C-alpha atoms as a PDB file:
ATOM      1  CA  MET A   1     -13.661  34.560  25.164  1.00  0.00           C
ATOM      2  CA  PRO A   2     -11.443  32.170  23.521  1.00  0.00           C
ATOM      3  CA  ASP A   3     -10.974  28.687  24.716  1.00  0.00           C
ATOM      4  CA  SER A   4      -8.098  28.355  27.549  1.00  0.00           C
ATOM      5  CA  SER A   5      -6.793  25.490  29.493  1.00  0.00           C
ATOM      6  CA  PRO A   6      -6.973  25.962  33.264  1.00  0.00           C
ATOM      7  CA  ASP A   7      -4.387  23.555  33.995  1.00  0.00           C
ATOM      8  CA  PHE A   8      -1.506  22.750  31.642  1.00  0.00           C
ATOM      9  CA  ASP A   9      -2.618  20.137  29.472  1.00  0.00           C
ATOM     10  CA  ALA A  10       0.009  18.572  26.595  1.00  0.00           C
ATOM     11  CA  ALA A  11      -2.682  17.844  23.951  1.00  0.00           C
ATOM     12  CA  PHE A  12      -4.418  21.408  24.495  1.00  0.00           C
ATOM     13  CA  PHE A  13      -0.861  22.875  24.086  1.00  0.00           C
ATOM     14  CA  ARG A  14      -0.214  20.948  20.835  1.00  0.00           C
ATOM     15  CA  THR A  15      -3.582  22.089  19.538  1.00  0.00           C
ATOM     16  CA  ALA A  16      -2.816  25.758  20.247  1.00  0.00           C
ATOM     17  CA  LEU A  17       0.428  25.326  18.454  1.00  0.00           C
ATOM     18  CA  GLY A  18      -1.173  23.857  15.167  1.00  0.00           C
ATOM     19  CA  ARG A  19      -2.943  27.234  14.870  1.00  0.00           C
ATOM     20  CA  TYR A  20       0.476  28.529  13.952  1.00  0.00           C
ATOM     21  CA  ALA A  21       1.063  27.795  10.114  1.00  0.00           C
ATOM     22  CA  THR A  22       4.487  26.593   9.348  1.00  0.00           C
ATOM     23  CA  GLY A  23       6.479  25.445   6.319  1.00  0.00           C
ATOM     24  CA  VAL A  24       7.362  21.860   5.670  1.00  0.00           C
ATOM     25  CA  THR A  25      10.933  20.599   5.139  1.00  0.00           C
ATOM     26  CA  VAL A  26      12.587  17.340   4.829  1.00  0.00           C
ATOM     27  CA  VAL A  27      15.916  17.352   6.466  1.00  0.00           C
ATOM     28  CA  THR A  28      18.489  15.071   4.889  1.00  0.00           C
ATOM     29  CA  THR A  29      21.937  13.683   5.521  1.00  0.00           C
ATOM     30  CA  ALA A  30      24.052  10.473   5.399  1.00  0.00           C
ATOM     31  CA  GLY A  31      23.495   8.004   7.992  1.00  0.00           C
ATOM     32  CA  LEU A  32      26.149   6.466  10.048  1.00  0.00           C
ATOM     33  CA  ASP A  33      26.311   3.671   7.475  1.00  0.00           C
ATOM     34  CA  GLY A  34      26.618   6.198   4.666  1.00  0.00           C
ATOM     35  CA  ALA A  35      23.018   5.611   3.247  1.00  0.00           C
ATOM     36  CA  PRO A  36      20.974   8.786   2.843  1.00  0.00           C
ATOM     37  CA  ILE A  37      18.277   9.401   5.507  1.00  0.00           C
ATOM     38  CA  GLY A  38      15.842  12.057   5.975  1.00  0.00           C
ATOM     39  CA  LEU A  39      12.592  13.182   8.081  1.00  0.00           C
ATOM     40  CA  THR A  40       9.953  15.549   7.623  1.00  0.00           C
ATOM     41  CA  VAL A  41      10.390  18.747   9.989  1.00  0.00           C
ATOM     42  CA  SER A  42       7.990  21.821  10.531  1.00  0.00           C
ATOM     43  CA  SER A  43      10.374  23.187  13.249  1.00  0.00           C
ATOM     44  CA  PHE A  44      12.935  25.059  10.816  1.00  0.00           C
ATOM     45  CA  ASN A  45      13.255  28.548  11.594  1.00  0.00           C
ATOM     46  CA  SER A  46      16.132  31.279  10.645  1.00  0.00           C
ATOM     47  CA  VAL A  47      18.318  32.318  13.624  1.00  0.00           C
ATOM     48  CA  SER A  48      20.804  34.826  11.929  1.00  0.00           C
ATOM     49  CA  LEU A  49      21.740  36.555   8.751  1.00  0.00           C
ATOM     50  CA  ASN A  50      25.368  37.174   9.798  1.00  0.00           C
ATOM     51  CA  PRO A  51      26.492  34.483  10.092  1.00  0.00           C
ATOM     52  CA  PRO A  52      23.871  32.851   8.300  1.00  0.00           C
ATOM     53  CA  LEU A  53      22.230  30.268  10.812  1.00  0.00           C
ATOM     54  CA  ILE A  54      19.132  28.173  10.749  1.00  0.00           C
ATOM     55  CA  LEU A  55      17.533  25.826  13.375  1.00  0.00           C
ATOM     56  CA  TRP A  56      15.086  22.970  13.758  1.00  0.00           C
ATOM     57  CA  SER A  57      14.394  20.322  16.305  1.00  0.00           C
ATOM     58  CA  LEU A  58      14.295  16.616  16.457  1.00  0.00           C
ATOM     59  CA  SER A  59      12.658  14.244  18.988  1.00  0.00           C
ATOM     60  CA  LEU A  60      15.004  12.562  21.660  1.00  0.00           C
ATOM     61  CA  GLY A  61      13.233   9.506  20.684  1.00  0.00           C
ATOM     62  CA  SER A  62      13.860   9.724  16.799  1.00  0.00           C
ATOM     63  CA  SER A  63      15.804   6.717  15.228  1.00  0.00           C
ATOM     64  CA  SER A  64      17.743   9.104  13.306  1.00  0.00           C
ATOM     65  CA  LEU A  65      18.825  11.032  16.164  1.00  0.00           C
ATOM     66  CA  ALA A  66      22.511   9.633  16.455  1.00  0.00           C
ATOM     67  CA  ALA A  67      23.057  10.229  12.746  1.00  0.00           C
ATOM     68  CA  PHE A  68      21.964  13.917  12.867  1.00  0.00           C
ATOM     69  CA  GLN A  69      23.938  14.640  16.024  1.00  0.00           C
ATOM     70  CA  GLN A  70      27.083  13.005  14.290  1.00  0.00           C
ATOM     71  CA  CYS A  71      26.994  14.257  10.804  1.00  0.00           C
ATOM     72  CA  GLU A  72      29.121  17.111   9.648  1.00  0.00           C
ATOM     73  CA  ARG A  73      26.379  18.511   7.213  1.00  0.00           C
ATOM     74  CA  TYR A  74      22.746  18.252   6.460  1.00  0.00           C
ATOM     75  CA  VAL A  75      20.474  19.758   3.957  1.00  0.00           C
ATOM     76  CA  VAL A  76      16.870  21.392   4.786  1.00  0.00           C
ATOM     77  CA  ASN A  77      14.757  20.837   1.815  1.00  0.00           C
ATOM     78  CA  VAL A  78      11.755  23.390   1.847  1.00  0.00           C
ATOM     79  CA  LEU A  79       9.168  21.654   0.115  1.00  0.00           C
ATOM     80  CA  SER A  80       6.811  22.903  -2.527  1.00  0.00           C
ATOM     81  CA  ALA A  81       3.073  22.641  -2.729  1.00  0.00           C
ATOM     82  CA  GLU A  82       3.385  20.009  -5.228  1.00  0.00           C
ATOM     83  CA  GLN A  83       5.288  17.633  -2.667  1.00  0.00           C
ATOM     84  CA  ILE A  84       2.872  16.541  -0.257  1.00  0.00           C
ATOM     85  CA  ALA A  85       3.752  13.185  -1.109  1.00  0.00           C
ATOM     86  CA  LEU A  86       7.209  13.221  -0.187  1.00  0.00           C
ATOM     87  CA  ALA A  87       6.178  15.517   3.134  1.00  0.00           C
ATOM     88  CA  ARG A  88       4.129  12.195   4.165  1.00  0.00           C
ATOM     89  CA  ARG A  89       6.668   9.713   3.185  1.00  0.00           C
ATOM     90  CA  PHE A  90       9.537  11.309   5.363  1.00  0.00           C
ATOM     91  CA  ALA A  91       6.930  11.753   7.990  1.00  0.00           C
ATOM     92  CA  THR A  92       6.311   8.602   9.164  1.00  0.00           C
ATOM     93  CA  GLY A  93       8.781   5.732  10.671  1.00  0.00           C
ATOM     94  CA  LYS A  94       6.762   3.042   9.268  1.00  0.00           C
ATOM     95  CA  THR A  95       8.338   3.467   5.887  1.00  0.00           C
ATOM     96  CA  PRO A  96      11.130   1.012   5.725  1.00  0.00           C
ATOM     97  CA  ASP A  97      13.160   2.988   2.878  1.00  0.00           C
ATOM     98  CA  ARG A  98      11.979   6.486   2.421  1.00  0.00           C
ATOM     99  CA  TYR A  99      14.224   6.731  -0.689  1.00  0.00           C
ATOM    100  CA  ALA A 100      12.700   3.898  -2.572  1.00  0.00           C
ATOM    101  CA  GLY A 101      12.109   4.935  -6.041  1.00  0.00           C
ATOM    102  CA  LEU A 102      13.466   8.375  -5.618  1.00  0.00           C
ATOM    103  CA  THR A 103      16.704   9.506  -7.141  1.00  0.00           C
ATOM    104  CA  VAL A 104      19.441  10.707  -4.667  1.00  0.00           C
ATOM    105  CA  HIS A 105      21.107  13.872  -5.519  1.00  0.00           C
ATOM    106  CA  HIS A 106      23.919  15.625  -3.673  1.00  0.00           C
ATOM    107  CA  ALA A 107      24.238  19.270  -2.521  1.00  0.00           C
ATOM    108  CA  PRO A 108      27.455  20.862  -3.586  1.00  0.00           C
ATOM    109  CA  GLY A 109      29.123  19.894  -0.278  1.00  0.00           C
ATOM    110  CA  GLY A 110      28.173  16.280  -0.907  1.00  0.00           C
ATOM    111  CA  THR A 111      25.127  16.074   1.400  1.00  0.00           C
ATOM    112  CA  PRO A 112      22.091  13.770  -0.018  1.00  0.00           C
ATOM    113  CA  MET A 113      19.283  16.076  -0.973  1.00  0.00           C
ATOM    114  CA  LEU A 114      15.804  15.730  -2.603  1.00  0.00           C
ATOM    115  CA  ASP A 115      15.511  15.513  -6.310  1.00  0.00           C
ATOM    116  CA  GLY A 116      12.532  17.596  -7.480  1.00  0.00           C
ATOM    117  CA  HIS A 117      10.847  20.912  -7.306  1.00  0.00           C
ATOM    118  CA  CYS A 118      11.638  22.349  -3.648  1.00  0.00           C
ATOM    119  CA  ALA A 119      10.897  25.617  -2.931  1.00  0.00           C
ATOM    120  CA  ALA A 120      14.239  26.034  -1.660  1.00  0.00           C
ATOM    121  CA  TRP A 121      17.226  24.060   0.118  1.00  0.00           C
ATOM    122  CA  PHE A 122      19.856  25.009   2.687  1.00  0.00           C
ATOM    123  CA  GLU A 123      23.334  23.099   2.803  1.00  0.00           C
ATOM    124  CA  CYS A 124      24.384  23.581   6.555  1.00  0.00           C
ATOM    125  CA  ARG A 125      27.133  22.585   8.756  1.00  0.00           C
ATOM    126  CA  ASN A 126      26.209  21.106  11.979  1.00  0.00           C
ATOM    127  CA  ARG A 127      27.328  23.743  13.998  1.00  0.00           C
ATOM    128  CA  SER A 128      25.807  23.300  17.653  1.00  0.00           C
ATOM    129  CA  ARG A 129      23.110  21.148  19.436  1.00  0.00           C
ATOM    130  CA  TYR A 130      21.057  21.984  22.633  1.00  0.00           C
ATOM    131  CA  VAL A 131      18.857  19.487  24.367  1.00  0.00           C
ATOM    132  CA  GLU A 132      15.806  21.371  25.770  1.00  0.00           C
ATOM    133  CA  GLY A 133      12.765  19.234  27.092  1.00  0.00           C
ATOM    134  CA  ASP A 134      12.049  16.094  24.851  1.00  0.00           C
ATOM    135  CA  HIS A 135      13.999  17.616  21.877  1.00  0.00           C
ATOM    136  CA  VAL A 136      17.368  18.477  20.603  1.00  0.00           C
ATOM    137  CA  ILE A 137      17.585  21.873  18.835  1.00  0.00           C
ATOM    138  CA  MET A 138      19.933  21.590  15.736  1.00  0.00           C
ATOM    139  CA  VAL A 139      21.539  24.892  14.814  1.00  0.00           C
ATOM    140  CA  GLY A 140      22.999  24.914  11.171  1.00  0.00           C
ATOM    141  CA  GLU A 141      25.564  27.065   9.623  1.00  0.00           C
ATOM    142  CA  VAL A 142      24.087  27.740   6.018  1.00  0.00           C
ATOM    143  CA  GLU A 143      27.169  27.173   3.554  1.00  0.00           C
ATOM    144  CA  ARG A 144      25.115  27.037   0.365  1.00  0.00           C
ATOM    145  CA  CYS A 145      21.267  27.408  -0.498  1.00  0.00           C
ATOM    146  CA  GLY A 146      19.055  27.791  -3.375  1.00  0.00           C
ATOM    147  CA  HIS A 147      15.308  28.414  -4.449  1.00  0.00           C
ATOM    148  CA  SER A 148      13.096  27.666  -7.297  1.00  0.00           C
ATOM    149  CA  GLY A 149      10.324  30.049  -6.985  1.00  0.00           C
ATOM    150  CA  GLU A 150       7.953  27.234  -6.290  1.00  0.00           C
ATOM    151  CA  PRO A 151       5.020  28.071  -3.952  1.00  0.00           C
ATOM    152  CA  PRO A 152       6.000  26.400  -0.377  1.00  0.00           C
ATOM    153  CA  LEU A 153       3.858  23.671   1.459  1.00  0.00           C
ATOM    154  CA  VAL A 154       2.156  24.679   4.482  1.00  0.00           C
ATOM    155  CA  PHE A 155       1.217  22.800   7.553  1.00  0.00           C
ATOM    156  CA  HIS A 156      -1.484  24.095   9.688  1.00  0.00           C
ATOM    157  CA  ALA A 157      -4.043  22.737  12.082  1.00  0.00           C
ATOM    158  CA  GLY A 158      -3.035  19.072  11.452  1.00  0.00           C
ATOM    159  CA  GLY A 159      -3.032  19.115   7.725  1.00  0.00           C
ATOM    160  CA  PHE A 160      -1.123  20.142   4.748  1.00  0.00           C
ATOM    161  CA  ASP A 161      -2.363  23.378   2.762  1.00  0.00           C
ATOM    162  CA  LEU A 162      -1.372  24.927  -0.543  1.00  0.00           C
ATOM    163  CA  THR A 163      -0.290  28.472  -0.916  1.00  0.00           C
ATOM    164  CA  PRO A 164      -0.361  29.113  -4.537  1.00  0.00           C
ATOM    165  CA  ALA A 165       1.566  32.123  -5.561  1.00  0.00           C
ATOM    166  CA  GLY A 166      -0.833  35.446  -5.871  1.00  0.00           C
ATOM    167  CA  THR A 167      -3.170  34.458  -3.124  1.00  0.00           C
ATOM    168  CA  ARG A 168      -1.531  36.505  -0.477  1.00  0.00           C
ATOM    169  CA  SER A 169      -3.422  39.507   0.560  1.00  0.00           C
ATOM    170  CA  GLU A 170      -0.356  41.532   0.853  1.00  0.00           C
ATOM    171  CA  ARG A 171       2.947  41.102  -0.900  1.00  0.00           C
ATOM    172  CA  ASN A 172       6.289  42.601   0.114  1.00  0.00           C
ATOM    173  CA  THR A 173       7.719  44.380  -3.148  1.00  0.00           C
ATOM    174  CA  PRO A 174      11.065  45.960  -3.343  1.00  0.00           C
END
């Protein structure tokens, strides 16, 4: 029989959640002072195709919370397998300037976005926010998006995994 937790245990819950592989994104916007800010997020999800909606969540303790709650737009940058260093750079609050040495580009609506070979990107209007537990759920209405065809970076069991194209056991073909 698989391991189970007789009493609810937050660490056990987190380990169980880690068994679910997710994509890795960096969400970017302009901070309250106009400077670009961003953070690594694995809670990205689609909500609706019509209208095109996505969601992601942010800790209520995040130093970036006010900027993301007040911004008009943000970009969800879906990282490619070659962007592990970017995922790590934007994942820690200990990096004083996450954009140091990076060229800042802007999505068509003017929102800062990552340069490089992201697997995809979504420029979103900051549509709504819902506080649940210790996070705020951010719902974005996708105004523009793009993709490169690069294989995505995946986070699983506490680490990054690569998913080179062609390694899937089953492909959805039109």
